[in-house]
Amino acid sequence: MLRTVVILTFLALSASFAQQRATPNVSSAVPPKALPTEPLEKSEDMPALLRPDQFSPGMVSQFGNFTSYQVNVNSSGQNIVGDAANEPSICVDPTNPLKMSIGWRQFNNVSSNFRQAGWTYTINGGTSWTFPGVLENNVFRSDPVLNSDATGRFFYLSLLQSFFDDIWRSLDGEHTWTDIAGADGGDKQWFTIDNTNSSGHGFQYQIWSTAGNNFGGRQATVAIH
């Protein structure tokens, strides 16, 4: 009888302890942190006109054994007076390193902060560059990210004013780009391509900010096609 009472008492104490462990202490629970905020991309000015007929010598910069050539130039390799570019992203064809492309935020005139998706390409390792213009005329775009896959196809990820983005692809050596898909995304996005020999070969991975976010704070996608 004593043994039965002791066993029952132990079981009762164990059940009581387990219930206390399972019941959270609400008063000491730490509330989740609010999602961080930061300045967002937004359109404030009207599009400006690009004036390729107003030009000055293109910049060539020498540093030791390295020579840098200006990339946002007119068809004669000269600087376009009054325009501006920033946030460049470069990709190189792994099958032919002489072929490269650069994307940037294109400002047709420094008097307007309306930005578009500018781009240029080279086929001679960067000695000269061709600047055809922007992906879409008078469409607000920002945060360009370029990358290439193992076969030499080039991809251009571009943020729209809606805080969604889309992905463009070039199959002809960066001469032309085609909008191939919406890519979800958000502000300050970035992406990479798996060019290894793993089971994820060719997968594209994207991340973006919690601010300017249409997905409740979620920050990543993967494209497997």
Protein backbone atom coordinates (compact mmCIF):
# COMPACT_ATOMS: atom_id res chain seq x y z
CA MET A 1 0.00 0.00 0.00
CA LEU A 2 2.82 2.39 0.86
CA ARG A 3 4.52 1.59 -2.43
CA THR A 4 1.35 2.37 -4.34
CA VAL A 5 0.94 5.71 -2.59
CA VAL A 6 4.57 6.68 -3.30
CA ILE A 7 4.24 5.78 -6.99
CA LEU A 8 0.98 7.71 -7.35
CA THR A 9 2.51 10.71 -5.59
CA PHE A 10 5.53 10.65 -7.93
CA LEU A 11 3.30 10.44 -10.99
CA ALA A 12 1.22 13.36 -9.75
CA LEU A 13 4.32 15.49 -9.16
CA SER A 14 5.71 14.54 -12.58
CA ALA A 15 2.46 15.51 -14.31
CA SER A 16 2.38 18.82 -12.44
CA PHE A 17 5.97 19.60 -13.43
CA ALA A 18 5.34 18.69 -17.07
CA GLN A 19 2.28 20.95 -17.14
CA GLN A 20 4.34 23.86 -15.77
CA ARG A 21 7.01 23.22 -18.41
CA ALA A 22 4.41 23.18 -21.18
CA THR A 23 2.68 26.38 -20.01
CA PRO A 24 4.65 29.44 -21.16
CA ASN A 25 5.21 32.29 -18.79
CA VAL A 26 3.26 34.96 -20.63
CA SER A 27 4.54 37.77 -18.45
CA SER A 28 8.19 37.03 -19.39
CA ALA A 29 7.65 36.31 -23.10
CA VAL A 30 9.72 38.58 -25.39
CA PRO A 31 7.59 40.25 -28.07
CA PRO A 32 8.81 39.78 -31.65
CA LYS A 33 10.96 42.56 -33.02
CA ALA A 34 9.38 44.91 -35.50
CA LEU A 35 10.65 44.59 -39.06
CA PRO A 36 13.39 47.14 -39.75
CA THR A 37 12.60 50.09 -41.97
CA GLU A 38 14.83 52.06 -44.30
CA PRO A 39 14.49 54.66 -47.06
CA LEU A 40 12.57 53.27 -50.02
CA GLU A 41 12.95 53.70 -53.75
CA LYS A 42 10.34 56.13 -55.08
CA SER A 43 9.72 58.20 -58.14
CA GLU A 44 9.78 61.94 -57.45
CA ASP A 45 10.66 63.61 -60.76
CA MET A 46 9.47 63.30 -64.34
CA PRO A 47 11.71 61.52 -66.88
CA ALA A 48 14.35 63.73 -68.48
CA LEU A 49 15.65 63.68 -72.04
CA LEU A 50 19.02 62.12 -72.82
CA ARG A 51 21.21 64.38 -75.00
CA PRO A 52 23.80 62.12 -76.70
CA ASP A 53 24.62 64.99 -79.07
CA GLN A 54 26.26 66.87 -76.18
CA PHE A 55 29.50 65.16 -75.33
CA SER A 56 33.02 65.43 -73.98
CA PRO A 57 35.99 63.04 -74.05
CA GLY A 58 35.32 59.69 -72.38
CA MET A 59 37.30 59.00 -69.23
CA VAL A 60 40.29 56.65 -69.30
CA SER A 61 41.87 56.07 -65.90
CA GLN A 62 45.28 54.48 -65.37
CA PHE A 63 46.25 52.83 -62.08
CA GLY A 64 49.52 50.93 -62.21
CA ASN A 65 49.14 48.20 -64.83
CA PHE A 66 45.35 48.57 -64.89
CA THR A 67 43.39 50.76 -67.30
CA SER A 68 39.72 51.64 -66.73
CA TYR A 69 37.42 52.86 -69.51
CA GLN A 70 34.19 54.79 -69.05
CA VAL A 71 31.20 52.59 -69.96
CA ASN A 72 28.22 54.98 -70.16
CA VAL A 73 29.35 56.60 -73.41
CA ASN A 74 27.86 57.43 -76.80
CA SER A 75 28.47 55.43 -79.97
CA SER A 76 31.84 57.16 -80.43
CA GLY A 77 33.04 56.32 -76.91
CA GLN A 78 32.54 59.86 -75.64
CA ASN A 79 31.02 61.00 -72.36
CA ILE A 80 27.37 62.13 -72.60
CA VAL A 81 27.19 65.53 -70.92
CA GLY A 82 24.52 65.91 -68.25
CA ASP A 83 23.58 62.26 -67.64
CA ALA A 84 24.61 60.16 -64.65
CA ALA A 85 24.77 56.55 -63.53
CA ASN A 86 25.24 54.72 -60.23
CA GLU A 87 24.81 51.35 -58.50
CA PRO A 88 26.54 49.40 -61.31
CA SER A 89 26.45 45.61 -61.50
CA ILE A 90 28.72 43.65 -63.83
CA CYS A 91 28.63 40.11 -65.20
CA VAL A 92 31.16 38.18 -67.30
CA ASP A 93 30.54 35.40 -69.79
CA PRO A 94 32.30 32.35 -68.27
CA THR A 95 32.64 30.82 -71.74
CA ASN A 96 34.28 33.98 -73.16
CA PRO A 97 35.66 36.48 -70.61
CA LEU A 98 36.03 39.14 -73.31
CA LYS A 99 32.23 39.50 -73.25
CA MET A 100 30.82 41.46 -70.33
CA SER A 101 27.74 43.51 -69.52
CA ILE A 102 27.09 46.21 -66.93
CA GLY A 103 23.75 47.47 -65.67
CA TRP A 104 23.17 50.64 -63.66
CA ARG A 105 20.62 53.17 -62.52
CA GLN A 106 20.43 55.53 -65.50
CA PHE A 107 19.67 59.22 -64.92
CA ASN A 108 19.20 60.91 -68.28
CA ASN A 109 19.91 64.27 -66.67
CA VAL A 110 21.34 65.23 -63.30
CA SER A 111 18.43 67.65 -62.84
CA SER A 112 16.02 64.71 -62.42
CA ASN A 113 16.26 61.75 -60.06
CA PHE A 114 13.99 59.65 -62.30
CA ARG A 115 15.98 56.48 -62.84
CA GLN A 116 15.80 53.73 -65.40
CA ALA A 117 17.56 50.44 -66.11
CA GLY A 118 20.64 51.37 -68.12
CA TRP A 119 23.01 48.83 -69.57
CA THR A 120 26.06 48.43 -71.79
CA TYR A 121 28.16 45.60 -73.18
CA THR A 122 31.65 44.89 -74.47
CA ILE A 123 33.05 42.13 -76.67
CA ASN A 124 36.73 43.05 -76.34
CA GLY A 125 37.37 42.75 -72.62
CA GLY A 126 36.27 46.27 -71.74
CA THR A 127 38.44 48.36 -74.06
CA SER A 128 35.32 49.75 -75.73
CA TRP A 129 31.67 49.71 -74.72
CA THR A 130 28.29 49.98 -76.47
CA PHE A 131 25.50 51.77 -74.56
CA PRO A 132 22.19 50.98 -76.36
CA GLY A 133 20.03 52.71 -73.75
CA VAL A 134 17.61 51.34 -71.14
CA LEU A 135 15.48 48.20 -70.78
CA GLU A 136 12.25 50.20 -71.09
CA ASN A 137 12.01 53.89 -71.91
CA ASN A 138 10.47 56.11 -69.22
CA VAL A 139 9.83 53.20 -66.82
CA PHE A 140 11.03 53.80 -63.25
CA ARG A 141 13.51 51.06 -62.30
CA SER A 142 16.23 50.67 -59.71
CA ASP A 143 18.60 48.26 -57.94
CA PRO A 144 20.04 46.49 -61.00
CA VAL A 145 21.69 43.10 -60.47
CA LEU A 146 23.36 41.22 -63.34
CA ASN A 147 24.61 37.66 -63.44
CA SER A 148 25.48 34.94 -65.94
CA ASP A 149 24.95 31.20 -65.94
CA ALA A 150 27.45 28.51 -66.89
CA THR A 151 26.43 28.56 -70.56
CA GLY A 152 27.02 32.31 -70.95
CA ARG A 153 23.42 33.47 -70.79
CA PHE A 154 23.11 36.86 -69.09
CA PHE A 155 20.36 37.83 -66.62
CA TYR A 156 19.29 41.29 -65.42
CA LEU A 157 17.18 41.56 -62.24
CA SER A 158 15.40 44.91 -62.01
CA LEU A 159 13.26 46.52 -59.28
CA LEU A 160 10.01 48.25 -60.27
CA GLN A 161 8.26 51.10 -58.47
CA SER A 162 5.68 48.57 -57.19
CA PHE A 163 8.48 46.88 -55.15
CA PHE A 164 8.15 43.79 -57.29
CA ASP A 165 10.91 42.96 -59.73
CA ASP A 166 11.31 41.14 -63.00
CA ILE A 167 14.10 39.16 -64.63
CA TRP A 168 15.45 39.83 -68.12
CA ARG A 169 17.62 37.49 -70.19
CA SER A 170 20.04 37.99 -73.08
CA LEU A 171 20.78 35.14 -75.48
CA ASP A 172 22.70 37.10 -78.11
CA GLY A 173 25.78 38.30 -76.32
CA GLU A 174 24.06 41.10 -74.36
CA HIS A 175 22.96 42.93 -77.50
CA THR A 176 19.27 42.65 -76.59
CA TRP A 177 17.28 41.76 -73.48
CA THR A 178 13.91 40.01 -73.08
CA ASP A 179 11.63 40.23 -70.04
CA ILE A 180 11.12 36.54 -69.24
CA ALA A 181 9.30 36.53 -65.89
CA GLY A 182 8.16 38.36 -62.80
CA ALA A 183 10.55 37.52 -59.99
CA ASP A 184 8.60 38.53 -56.83
CA GLY A 185 11.37 40.25 -54.84
CA GLY A 186 11.43 43.61 -53.14
CA ASP A 187 13.59 46.64 -52.44
CA LYS A 188 17.39 46.22 -52.47
CA GLN A 189 17.18 42.76 -53.97
CA TRP A 190 20.16 40.59 -54.95
CA PHE A 191 20.45 37.26 -56.70
CA THR A 192 22.97 34.60 -57.61
CA ILE A 193 23.04 31.58 -59.91
CA ASP A 194 24.31 28.14 -58.92
CA ASN A 195 26.95 27.37 -61.54
CA THR A 196 28.38 24.40 -59.65
CA ASN A 197 27.90 20.75 -60.63
CA SER A 198 25.54 20.16 -57.72
CA SER A 199 21.91 19.03 -57.94
CA GLY A 200 20.97 22.73 -57.80
CA HIS A 201 22.87 23.57 -60.99
CA GLY A 202 21.20 26.49 -62.74
CA PHE A 203 18.96 27.43 -59.79
CA GLN A 204 18.61 31.16 -59.17
CA TYR A 205 18.42 32.43 -55.59
CA GLN A 206 17.13 35.88 -54.66
CA ILE A 207 16.97 37.85 -51.41
CA TRP A 208 15.64 41.34 -50.63
CA SER A 209 14.94 43.81 -47.84
CA THR A 210 12.14 43.60 -45.26
CA ALA A 211 11.33 47.20 -46.22
CA GLY A 212 9.60 47.77 -49.55
CA ASN A 213 8.33 44.23 -49.17
CA ASN A 214 5.07 42.79 -50.54
CA PHE A 215 5.40 39.46 -48.74
CA GLY A 216 4.93 40.24 -45.05
CA GLY A 217 8.65 40.32 -44.33
CA ARG A 218 9.61 37.18 -46.24
CA GLN A 219 12.91 37.75 -48.02
CA ALA A 220 13.89 34.91 -50.32
CA THR A 221 12.84 32.97 -53.41
CA VAL A 222 14.42 30.30 -55.61
CA ALA A 223 13.79 29.69 -59.31
CA ILE A 224 14.53 26.17 -60.51
CA HIS A 225 13.68 26.54 -64.23
